[in-house]
PDB file of N, CA and C in Angstrom:
ATOM      1  N   UNK A   1     -13.797  13.212  17.992  1.00  0.00           N
ATOM      2  CA  UNK A   1     -13.654  12.933  16.811  1.00  0.00           C
ATOM      3  C   UNK A   1     -13.018  11.457  16.361  1.00  0.00           C
ATOM      4  N   UNK A   2     -11.965  11.111  16.780  1.00  0.00           N
ATOM      5  CA  UNK A   2     -10.635  10.287  16.891  1.00  0.00           C
ATOM      6  C   UNK A   2     -11.251   9.068  17.742  1.00  0.00           C
ATOM      7  N   UNK A   3     -12.146   9.518  18.637  1.00  0.00           N
ATOM      8  CA  UNK A   3     -12.951   7.966  19.428  1.00  0.00           C
ATOM      9  C   UNK A   3     -14.005   7.472  18.914  1.00  0.00           C
ATOM     10  N   UNK A   4     -14.853   8.062  18.718  1.00  0.00           N
ATOM     11  CA  UNK A   4     -15.705   7.734  17.566  1.00  0.00           C
ATOM     12  C   UNK A   4     -15.179   6.241  16.789  1.00  0.00           C
ATOM     13  N   UNK A   5     -16.202   5.178  16.113  1.00  0.00           N
ATOM     14  CA  UNK A   5     -16.108   4.545  15.628  1.00  0.00           C
ATOM     15  C   UNK A   5     -16.047   4.811  13.695  1.00  0.00           C
ATOM     16  N   UNK A   6     -16.072   6.082  13.864  1.00  0.00           N
ATOM     17  CA  UNK A   6     -15.918   6.585  12.283  1.00  0.00           C
ATOM     18  C   UNK A   6     -14.705   5.905  11.251  1.00  0.00           C
ATOM     19  N   UNK A   7     -13.595   5.433  12.182  1.00  0.00           N
ATOM     20  CA  UNK A   7     -12.484   5.505  11.068  1.00  0.00           C
ATOM     21  C   UNK A   7     -12.518   3.973  11.037  1.00  0.00           C
ATOM     22  N   UNK A   8     -12.696   3.499  12.097  1.00  0.00           N
ATOM     23  CA  UNK A   8     -12.589   2.216  11.781  1.00  0.00           C
ATOM     24  C   UNK A   8     -13.155   0.972  10.784  1.00  0.00           C
ATOM     25  N   UNK A   9     -13.786   1.711   9.969  1.00  0.00           N
ATOM     26  CA  UNK A   9     -14.387   1.323   8.121  1.00  0.00           C
ATOM     27  C   UNK A   9     -13.219   1.255   7.269  1.00  0.00           C
ATOM     28  N   UNK A  10     -12.098   1.829   7.775  1.00  0.00           N
ATOM     29  CA  UNK A  10     -10.628   2.275   6.699  1.00  0.00           C
ATOM     30  C   UNK A  10      -9.728   1.433   6.863  1.00  0.00           C
ATOM     31  N   UNK A  11      -8.922   0.739   5.966  1.00  0.00           N
ATOM     32  CA  UNK A  11      -7.666   0.301   6.464  1.00  0.00           C
ATOM     33  C   UNK A  11      -6.700   1.315   7.145  1.00  0.00           C
ATOM     34  N   UNK A  12      -5.400   0.301   7.607  1.00  0.00           N
ATOM     35  CA  UNK A  12      -4.760   1.360   8.538  1.00  0.00           C
ATOM     36  C   UNK A  12      -4.266   2.984   8.019  1.00  0.00           C
ATOM     37  N   UNK A  13      -3.603   2.468   6.549  1.00  0.00           N
ATOM     38  CA  UNK A  13      -2.994   3.681   5.639  1.00  0.00           C
ATOM     39  C   UNK A  13      -4.176   4.985   6.130  1.00  0.00           C
ATOM     40  N   UNK A  14      -5.329   4.361   5.656  1.00  0.00           N
ATOM     41  CA  UNK A  14      -6.108   5.470   4.746  1.00  0.00           C
ATOM     42  C   UNK A  14      -6.644   6.267   6.398  1.00  0.00           C
ATOM     43  N   UNK A  15      -6.753   5.325   7.575  1.00  0.00           N
ATOM     44  CA  UNK A  15      -6.942   5.749   8.843  1.00  0.00           C
ATOM     45  C   UNK A  15      -5.939   6.939   8.781  1.00  0.00           C
ATOM     46  N   UNK A  16      -4.951   6.764   8.769  1.00  0.00           N
ATOM     47  CA  UNK A  16      -3.515   7.488   8.878  1.00  0.00           C
ATOM     48  C   UNK A  16      -3.877   9.090   8.046  1.00  0.00           C
ATOM     49  N   UNK A  17      -3.874   8.990   6.952  1.00  0.00           N
ATOM     50  CA  UNK A  17      -3.972   9.937   6.583  1.00  0.00           C
ATOM     51  C   UNK A  17      -5.300  10.752   6.765  1.00  0.00           C
ATOM     52  N   UNK A  18      -6.563  10.312   6.830  1.00  0.00           N
ATOM     53  CA  UNK A  18      -7.769  10.791   7.813  1.00  0.00           C
ATOM     54  C   UNK A  18      -7.262  11.411   8.751  1.00  0.00           C
ATOM     55  N   UNK A  19      -6.996  10.633   9.478  1.00  0.00           N
ATOM     56  CA  UNK A  19      -6.301  11.311  11.142  1.00  0.00           C
ATOM     57  C   UNK A  19      -5.790  12.566  11.002  1.00  0.00           C
ATOM     58  N   UNK A  20      -4.433  12.654  10.260  1.00  0.00           N
ATOM     59  CA  UNK A  20      -3.609  13.867   9.518  1.00  0.00           C
ATOM     60  C   UNK A  20      -4.604  14.857   8.914  1.00  0.00           C
ATOM     61  N   UNK A  21      -5.455  14.257   8.232  1.00  0.00           N
ATOM     62  CA  UNK A  21      -6.120  15.419   7.906  1.00  0.00           C
ATOM     63  C   UNK A  21      -6.797  16.590   8.584  1.00  0.00           C
ATOM     64  N   UNK A  22      -7.075  15.585   9.412  1.00  0.00           N
ATOM     65  CA  UNK A  22      -8.279  16.044  10.460  1.00  0.00           C
ATOM     66  C   UNK A  22      -6.949  16.505  11.640  1.00  0.00           C
ATOM     67  N   UNK A  23      -6.105  16.094  12.062  1.00  0.00           N
ATOM     68  CA  UNK A  23      -5.303  17.431  12.340  1.00  0.00           C
ATOM     69  C   UNK A  23      -5.024  18.912  11.639  1.00  0.00           C
ATOM     70  N   UNK A  24      -4.579  18.474  10.687  1.00  0.00           N
ATOM     71  CA  UNK A  24      -4.826  19.860   9.078  1.00  0.00           C
ATOM     72  C   UNK A  24      -6.007  20.525   9.514  1.00  0.00           C
ATOM     73  N   UNK A  25      -6.738  19.830   9.252  1.00  0.00           N
ATOM     74  CA  UNK A  25      -8.276  20.981  10.063  1.00  0.00           C
ATOM     75  C   UNK A  25      -8.240  21.682  10.556  1.00  0.00           C
ATOM     76  N   UNK A  26      -8.338  21.024  12.235  1.00  0.00           N
ATOM     77  CA  UNK A  26      -7.872  21.410  13.381  1.00  0.00           C
ATOM     78  C   UNK A  26      -7.457  22.980  13.536  1.00  0.00           C
ATOM     79  N   UNK A  27      -5.661  22.490  12.056  1.00  0.00           N
ATOM     80  CA  UNK A  27      -5.218  23.811  12.449  1.00  0.00           C
ATOM     81  C   UNK A  27      -5.466  24.817  11.292  1.00  0.00           C
ATOM     82  N   UNK A  28      -5.895  24.006  10.622  1.00  0.00           N
ATOM     83  CA  UNK A  28      -5.717  25.188   9.184  1.00  0.00           C
ATOM     84  C   UNK A  28      -7.178  25.436   8.908  1.00  0.00           C
ATOM     85  N   UNK A  29      -8.775  24.781   9.108  1.00  0.00           N
ATOM     86  CA  UNK A  29      -9.602  24.634   8.639  1.00  0.00           C
ATOM     87  C   UNK A  29     -10.043  24.256   7.569  1.00  0.00           C
ATOM     88  N   UNK A  30     -10.960  23.931   7.260  1.00  0.00           N
ATOM     89  CA  UNK A  30     -11.717  23.331   6.684  1.00  0.00           C
ATOM     90  C   UNK A  30     -11.150  22.920   4.630  1.00  0.00           C
ATOM     91  N   UNK A  31     -11.032  24.447   4.273  1.00  0.00           N
ATOM     92  CA  UNK A  31     -10.564  24.290   3.394  1.00  0.00           C
ATOM     93  C   UNK A  31      -9.340  23.491   2.643  1.00  0.00           C
ATOM     94  N   UNK A  32      -8.451  23.271   3.785  1.00  0.00           N
ATOM     95  CA  UNK A  32      -7.572  22.850   3.793  1.00  0.00           C
ATOM     96  C   UNK A  32      -7.241  21.059   3.305  1.00  0.00           C
ATOM     97  N   UNK A  33      -8.346  20.721   3.847  1.00  0.00           N
ATOM     98  CA  UNK A  33      -8.522  18.684   3.408  1.00  0.00           C
ATOM     99  C   UNK A  33      -9.282  19.122   2.479  1.00  0.00           C
ATOM    100  N   UNK A  34      -9.978  19.873   2.110  1.00  0.00           N
ATOM    101  CA  UNK A  34     -10.090  19.929   0.052  1.00  0.00           C
ATOM    102  C   UNK A  34      -9.453  20.063  -0.253  1.00  0.00           C
ATOM    103  N   UNK A  35      -8.382  20.684  -0.753  1.00  0.00           N
ATOM    104  CA  UNK A  35      -6.913  20.842  -1.627  1.00  0.00           C
ATOM    105  C   UNK A  35      -6.532  19.656  -1.442  1.00  0.00           C
ATOM    106  N   UNK A  36      -6.542  19.504  -2.447  1.00  0.00           N
ATOM    107  CA  UNK A  36      -5.751  17.776  -2.730  1.00  0.00           C
ATOM    108  C   UNK A  36      -3.982  18.218  -2.748  1.00  0.00           C
ATOM    109  N   UNK A  37      -3.564  19.428  -2.731  1.00  0.00           N
ATOM    110  CA  UNK A  37      -2.312  19.614  -2.311  1.00  0.00           C
ATOM    111  C   UNK A  37      -2.037  19.106  -1.647  1.00  0.00           C
ATOM    112  N   UNK A  38      -2.669  19.527   0.200  1.00  0.00           N
ATOM    113  CA  UNK A  38      -2.420  19.064   1.566  1.00  0.00           C
ATOM    114  C   UNK A  38      -1.559  17.345   1.130  1.00  0.00           C
ATOM    115  N   UNK A  39      -2.070  16.870   0.513  1.00  0.00           N
ATOM    116  CA  UNK A  39      -1.438  15.989   0.379  1.00  0.00           C
ATOM    117  C   UNK A  39       0.158  15.690   0.046  1.00  0.00           C
ATOM    118  N   UNK A  40       0.744  17.000  -0.393  1.00  0.00           N
ATOM    119  CA  UNK A  40       2.094  16.736  -0.504  1.00  0.00           C
ATOM    120  C   UNK A  40       3.066  17.325   0.601  1.00  0.00           C
ATOM    121  N   UNK A  41       2.302  17.450   1.956  1.00  0.00           N
ATOM    122  CA  UNK A  41       2.732  18.436   2.920  1.00  0.00           C
ATOM    123  C   UNK A  41       2.872  17.077   3.641  1.00  0.00           C
ATOM    124  N   UNK A  42       3.871  17.165   4.704  1.00  0.00           N
ATOM    125  CA  UNK A  42       4.133  16.331   6.191  1.00  0.00           C
ATOM    126  C   UNK A  42       2.875  16.139   6.521  1.00  0.00           C
ATOM    127  N   UNK A  43       2.304  15.027   7.270  1.00  0.00           N
ATOM    128  CA  UNK A  43       3.173  14.336   7.228  1.00  0.00           C
ATOM    129  C   UNK A  43       2.997  13.080   6.134  1.00  0.00           C
ATOM    130  N   UNK A  44       1.844  13.296   5.351  1.00  0.00           N
ATOM    131  CA  UNK A  44       1.270  12.408   3.808  1.00  0.00           C
ATOM    132  C   UNK A  44       2.485  12.222   3.118  1.00  0.00           C
ATOM    133  N   UNK A  45       3.784  13.088   2.849  1.00  0.00           N
ATOM    134  CA  UNK A  45       4.825  12.770   1.840  1.00  0.00           C
ATOM    135  C   UNK A  45       5.217  11.469   2.683  1.00  0.00           C
ATOM    136  N   UNK A  46       5.180  10.929   3.824  1.00  0.00           N
ATOM    137  CA  UNK A  46       5.646   9.748   4.106  1.00  0.00           C
ATOM    138  C   UNK A  46       4.876   8.726   3.967  1.00  0.00           C
ATOM    139  N   UNK A  47       3.486   8.961   3.444  1.00  0.00           N
ATOM    140  CA  UNK A  47       3.243   7.864   3.086  1.00  0.00           C
ATOM    141  C   UNK A  47       3.340   7.295   1.633  1.00  0.00           C
ATOM    142  N   UNK A  48       3.219   8.105   0.985  1.00  0.00           N
ATOM    143  CA  UNK A  48       3.028   8.174  -0.421  1.00  0.00           C
ATOM    144  C   UNK A  48       3.027   9.570  -1.778  1.00  0.00           C
ATOM    145  N   UNK A  49       2.645   9.506  -2.758  1.00  0.00           N
ATOM    146  CA  UNK A  49       2.661  10.615  -3.604  1.00  0.00           C
ATOM    147  C   UNK A  49       0.719  11.119  -3.182  1.00  0.00           C
ATOM    148  N   UNK A  50       0.856  12.109  -3.620  1.00  0.00           N
ATOM    149  CA  UNK A  50      -0.562  12.421  -3.454  1.00  0.00           C
ATOM    150  C   UNK A  50      -1.784  11.233  -4.863  1.00  0.00           C
ATOM    151  N   UNK A  51      -0.935  11.044  -5.607  1.00  0.00           N
ATOM    152  CA  UNK A  51      -1.266  10.157  -6.669  1.00  0.00           C
ATOM    153  C   UNK A  51      -1.360   8.603  -5.712  1.00  0.00           C
ATOM    154  N   UNK A  52      -0.094   8.174  -5.255  1.00  0.00           N
ATOM    155  CA  UNK A  52      -0.600   7.162  -4.985  1.00  0.00           C
ATOM    156  C   UNK A  52      -1.580   6.453  -3.380  1.00  0.00           C
ATOM    157  N   UNK A  53      -1.599   7.990  -2.568  1.00  0.00           N
ATOM    158  CA  UNK A  53      -2.535   8.020  -1.403  1.00  0.00           C
ATOM    159  C   UNK A  53      -3.976   8.024  -2.151  1.00  0.00           C
ATOM    160  N   UNK A  54      -3.945   8.707  -3.311  1.00  0.00           N
ATOM    161  CA  UNK A  54      -5.773   9.054  -3.641  1.00  0.00           C
ATOM    162  C   UNK A  54      -5.908   7.268  -3.979  1.00  0.00           C
ATOM    163  N   UNK A  55      -4.835   6.916  -5.021  1.00  0.00           N
ATOM    164  CA  UNK A  55      -5.181   5.160  -5.717  1.00  0.00           C
ATOM    165  C   UNK A  55      -5.206   4.281  -4.771  1.00  0.00           C
ATOM    166  N   UNK A  56      -3.772   3.760  -4.324  1.00  0.00           N
ATOM    167  CA  UNK A  56      -3.727   2.719  -3.281  1.00  0.00           C
ATOM    168  C   UNK A  56      -4.475   3.346  -2.234  1.00  0.00           C
ATOM    169  N   UNK A  57      -4.630   3.688  -1.554  1.00  0.00           N
ATOM    170  CA  UNK A  57      -5.273   3.843  -0.356  1.00  0.00           C
ATOM    171  C   UNK A  57      -6.295   4.032  -0.382  1.00  0.00           C
ATOM    172  N   UNK A  58      -6.987   4.420  -0.989  1.00  0.00           N
ATOM    173  CA  UNK A  58      -8.407   4.590  -1.210  1.00  0.00           C
ATOM    174  C   UNK A  58      -8.882   4.665  -2.322  1.00  0.00           C
ATOM    175  N   UNK A  59      -8.308   3.904  -3.278  1.00  0.00           N
ATOM    176  CA  UNK A  59      -8.733   3.021  -4.276  1.00  0.00           C
ATOM    177  C   UNK A  59      -9.320   4.596  -5.844  1.00  0.00           C
ATOM    178  N   UNK A  60      -9.292   4.720  -5.809  1.00  0.00           N
ATOM    179  CA  UNK A  60      -9.782   6.239  -6.176  1.00  0.00           C
ATOM    180  C   UNK A  60      -9.977   7.579  -6.024  1.00  0.00           C
ATOM    181  N   UNK A  61      -9.744   7.745  -6.949  1.00  0.00           N
ATOM    182  CA  UNK A  61     -10.542   9.745  -6.663  1.00  0.00           C
ATOM    183  C   UNK A  61     -11.883   9.565  -6.070  1.00  0.00           C
ATOM    184  N   UNK A  62     -12.826   9.010  -6.714  1.00  0.00           N
ATOM    185  CA  UNK A  62     -14.053   9.169  -6.187  1.00  0.00           C
ATOM    186  C   UNK A  62     -13.714   8.636  -5.000  1.00  0.00           C
ATOM    187  N   UNK A  63     -13.701   7.179  -4.212  1.00  0.00           N
ATOM    188  CA  UNK A  63     -13.229   7.574  -3.184  1.00  0.00           C
ATOM    189  C   UNK A  63     -12.725   7.913  -1.991  1.00  0.00           C
ATOM    190  N   UNK A  64     -11.734   9.041  -2.225  1.00  0.00           N
ATOM    191  CA  UNK A  64     -11.037  10.067  -2.005  1.00  0.00           C
ATOM    192  C   UNK A  64     -11.796  10.594  -1.572  1.00  0.00           C
ATOM    193  N   UNK A  65     -12.637  10.995  -2.591  1.00  0.00           N
ATOM    194  CA  UNK A  65     -13.262  12.405  -2.487  1.00  0.00           C
ATOM    195  C   UNK A  65     -14.436  11.587  -1.719  1.00  0.00           C
ATOM    196  N   UNK A  66     -15.328  10.748  -1.810  1.00  0.00           N
ATOM    197  CA  UNK A  66     -15.968  10.149  -0.566  1.00  0.00           C
ATOM    198  C   UNK A  66     -15.723  10.275   0.224  1.00  0.00           C
ATOM    199  N   UNK A  67     -14.712   9.783   0.983  1.00  0.00           N
ATOM    200  CA  UNK A  67     -13.704  10.000   2.297  1.00  0.00           C
ATOM    201  C   UNK A  67     -13.577  11.053   2.950  1.00  0.00           C
ATOM    202  N   UNK A  68     -13.076  12.172   1.773  1.00  0.00           N
ATOM    203  CA  UNK A  68     -13.184  13.379   2.723  1.00  0.00           C
ATOM    204  C   UNK A  68     -14.606  14.547   2.331  1.00  0.00           C
ATOM    205  N   UNK A  69     -15.081  13.454   2.275  1.00  0.00           N
ATOM    206  CA  UNK A  69     -17.026  14.522   2.640  1.00  0.00           C
ATOM    207  C   UNK A  69     -17.550  13.842   3.620  1.00  0.00           C
ATOM    208  N   UNK A  70     -17.874  12.656   4.023  1.00  0.00           N
ATOM    209  CA  UNK A  70     -18.002  12.131   4.750  1.00  0.00           C
ATOM    210  C   UNK A  70     -17.283  12.556   6.381  1.00  0.00           C
ATOM    211  N   UNK A  71     -15.654  12.473   6.018  1.00  0.00           N
ATOM    212  CA  UNK A  71     -14.647  13.293   6.828  1.00  0.00           C
ATOM    213  C   UNK A  71     -15.602  15.009   7.165  1.00  0.00           C
ATOM    214  N   UNK A  72     -15.820  15.603   6.653  1.00  0.00           N
ATOM    215  CA  UNK A  72     -16.562  16.922   6.907  1.00  0.00           C
ATOM    216  C   UNK A  72     -18.056  16.844   7.208  1.00  0.00           C
ATOM    217  N   UNK A  73     -18.634  16.066   7.337  1.00  0.00           N
ATOM    218  CA  UNK A  73     -19.881  15.621   7.793  1.00  0.00           C
ATOM    219  C   UNK A  73     -19.565  15.445   8.657  1.00  0.00           C
ATOM    220  N   UNK A  74     -18.619  14.491   8.868  1.00  0.00           N
ATOM    221  CA  UNK A  74     -18.573  14.342  10.852  1.00  0.00           C
ATOM    222  C   UNK A  74     -17.749  15.094  11.490  1.00  0.00           C
ATOM    223  N   UNK A  75     -17.297  16.291  10.534  1.00  0.00           N
ATOM    224  CA  UNK A  75     -16.948  17.661  11.707  1.00  0.00           C
ATOM    225  C   UNK A  75     -18.080  18.595  11.840  1.00  0.00           C
ATOM    226  N   UNK A  76     -18.696  18.883  10.881  1.00  0.00           N
ATOM    227  CA  UNK A  76     -19.869  18.985  11.189  1.00  0.00           C
ATOM    228  C   UNK A  76     -20.817  18.794  12.307  1.00  0.00           C
ATOM    229  N   UNK A  77     -21.017  17.439  12.426  1.00  0.00           N
ATOM    230  CA  UNK A  77     -21.864  16.821  13.181  1.00  0.00           C
ATOM    231  C   UNK A  77     -21.410  17.409  14.083  1.00  0.00           C
ATOM    232  N   UNK A  78     -20.269  16.629  14.745  1.00  0.00           N
ATOM    233  CA  UNK A  78     -19.727  17.229  15.743  1.00  0.00           C
ATOM    234  C   UNK A  78     -20.016  18.663  16.364  1.00  0.00           C
ATOM    235  N   UNK A  79     -19.591  19.375  15.309  1.00  0.00           N
ATOM    236  CA  UNK A  79     -19.825  21.208  15.733  1.00  0.00           C
ATOM    237  C   UNK A  79     -20.829  21.672  16.573  1.00  0.00           C
ATOM    238  N   UNK A  80     -22.236  20.781  15.518  1.00  0.00           N
ATOM    239  CA  UNK A  80     -23.409  21.234  16.066  1.00  0.00           C
ATOM    240  C   UNK A  80     -24.296  20.484  17.010  1.00  0.00           C
ATOM    241  N   UNK A  81     -22.893  19.357  17.719  1.00  0.00           N
ATOM    242  CA  UNK A  81     -24.326  18.482  18.506  1.00  0.00           C
ATOM    243  C   UNK A  81     -23.491  18.923  20.153  1.00  0.00           C
TER     244      UNK A  81
END
């Protein structure tokens, strides 16, 4: 999925967060990326606090949740193709 153009619509920091979430998903499953507590773990702690990531990187909780939902949809598309 990283090779596709999915991440190009996001800024550099948002892409880093989404790619790290993708790695977490590969290791631990989808429930990990749906839980905002994952943002307290490495490597997210080097980007900022969960609040900073959600507000500053994504522009608010609604946009963060939309990005997560889109990421999951892309994952399921990949799994079903």
